[in-house]
Amino acid sequence: MLKPRRVLRLIACFALLSACPAYAGAQNQESTGQYVDDSVITAKVKSAIFGDPTLKLLQIKVTTYKGVVQLSGFVDSKQSADKAGEVAREVKGVVSVQNDLIVK
């Protein structure tokens, strides 16, 4: 006969395993691994933009979803917007860049 504690462990394991498919990412959602990868890409793009002396003081927001980087915010010139897009494209892991920067 199984001990009650062992039975409870078995039930808990079964419940956890049966719940796992419910948490599988849908096509319009990121998996945990993809979310982490996108967070790393976002950090690298922000670092690259901040490291560029011509872009350092500009307010640029960076978001990443499935490797696609979106740049938003305000810049001083079209050249700054283009430069930010170029810098973002050079970061490893970036699939494409959606440059939504607005010239003020």
Protein backbone atom coordinates (compact mmCIF):
# COMPACT_ATOMS: atom_id res chain seq x y z
CA MET A 1 0.00 0.00 0.00
CA LEU A 2 1.26 3.47 -0.88
CA LYS A 3 1.83 5.98 1.84
CA PRO A 4 -0.48 9.03 1.79
CA ARG A 5 2.45 11.42 1.26
CA ARG A 6 3.62 9.46 -1.76
CA VAL A 7 0.12 9.44 -3.23
CA LEU A 8 -0.10 13.22 -2.82
CA ARG A 9 3.25 13.67 -4.59
CA LEU A 10 2.07 11.47 -7.44
CA ILE A 11 -1.16 13.46 -7.78
CA ALA A 12 0.74 16.76 -7.67
CA CYS A 13 3.17 15.60 -10.37
CA PHE A 14 0.32 14.43 -12.56
CA ALA A 15 -1.51 17.74 -12.11
CA LEU A 16 1.60 19.72 -13.03
CA LEU A 17 2.34 17.62 -16.09
CA SER A 18 -1.23 17.80 -17.33
CA ALA A 19 -1.24 21.61 -16.92
CA CYS A 20 1.92 22.14 -19.00
CA PRO A 21 0.25 21.99 -22.43
CA ALA A 22 -2.12 24.75 -21.29
CA TYR A 23 0.87 27.08 -20.93
CA ALA A 24 2.38 26.34 -24.34
CA GLY A 25 2.73 29.57 -26.28
CA ALA A 26 0.27 30.27 -29.04
CA GLN A 27 1.46 31.71 -32.33
CA ASN A 28 0.62 35.23 -31.22
CA GLN A 29 2.38 34.82 -27.88
CA GLU A 30 6.04 34.50 -27.01
CA SER A 31 7.46 31.51 -25.24
CA THR A 32 9.49 32.12 -22.11
CA GLY A 33 12.70 31.53 -24.04
CA GLN A 34 11.70 33.96 -26.78
CA TYR A 35 10.77 36.57 -24.15
CA VAL A 36 14.22 36.24 -22.59
CA ASP A 37 15.90 36.43 -26.01
CA ASP A 38 13.90 39.54 -26.87
CA SER A 39 14.83 41.12 -23.54
CA VAL A 40 18.51 40.53 -24.29
CA ILE A 41 18.13 42.01 -27.79
CA THR A 42 16.35 45.06 -26.34
CA ALA A 43 19.15 45.59 -23.81
CA LYS A 44 21.83 45.26 -26.51
CA VAL A 45 20.05 47.71 -28.82
CA LYS A 46 19.61 50.23 -25.98
CA SER A 47 23.27 49.86 -25.09
CA ALA A 48 24.35 50.32 -28.72
CA ILE A 49 22.18 53.42 -29.11
CA PHE A 50 23.41 54.90 -25.82
CA GLY A 51 26.99 54.09 -26.84
CA ASP A 52 26.70 56.15 -30.01
CA PRO A 53 27.68 59.75 -29.15
CA THR A 54 25.23 61.26 -31.65
CA LEU A 55 22.27 59.34 -30.18
CA LYS A 56 23.20 59.32 -26.50
CA LEU A 57 20.97 62.18 -25.37
CA LEU A 58 17.90 61.36 -27.46
CA GLN A 59 14.79 59.78 -26.00
CA ILE A 60 14.40 56.54 -27.88
CA LYS A 61 12.21 53.70 -26.62
CA VAL A 62 13.16 50.19 -27.74
CA THR A 63 10.84 47.18 -27.70
CA THR A 64 11.40 43.75 -29.22
CA TYR A 65 8.92 41.04 -30.18
CA LYS A 66 10.16 37.82 -31.79
CA GLY A 67 13.38 39.50 -32.92
CA VAL A 68 11.65 42.50 -34.50
CA VAL A 69 12.88 45.71 -32.88
CA GLN A 70 10.59 48.73 -32.72
CA LEU A 71 12.11 52.15 -32.15
CA SER A 72 9.79 54.90 -30.97
CA GLY A 73 10.14 58.34 -29.45
CA PHE A 74 11.45 61.68 -30.61
CA VAL A 75 14.69 62.65 -32.32
CA ASP A 76 16.14 65.95 -33.49
CA SER A 77 16.65 65.09 -37.16
CA LYS A 78 15.97 62.57 -39.88
CA GLN A 79 19.68 61.66 -39.78
CA SER A 80 19.35 60.71 -36.10
CA ALA A 81 16.32 58.52 -36.87
CA ASP A 82 18.20 56.81 -39.70
CA LYS A 83 21.32 56.36 -37.55
CA ALA A 84 19.29 54.77 -34.73
CA GLY A 85 17.80 52.31 -37.23
CA GLU A 86 21.25 51.43 -38.57
CA VAL A 87 22.64 50.91 -35.07
CA ALA A 88 19.71 48.65 -34.16
CA ARG A 89 20.09 46.56 -37.35
CA GLU A 90 23.74 45.84 -36.50
CA VAL A 91 22.85 44.13 -33.20
CA LYS A 92 23.11 40.35 -33.33
CA GLY A 93 19.71 38.65 -33.15
CA VAL A 94 17.72 41.48 -34.70
CA VAL A 95 15.45 40.12 -37.44
CA SER A 96 14.20 43.51 -38.62
CA VAL A 97 13.74 47.08 -37.36
CA GLN A 98 10.51 49.04 -37.35
CA ASN A 99 11.64 52.65 -37.09
CA ASP A 100 8.74 54.74 -35.71
CA LEU A 101 10.91 57.63 -34.53
CA ILE A 102 9.39 61.09 -34.92
CA VAL A 103 11.45 64.16 -35.79
CA LYS A 104 10.53 67.06 -33.50
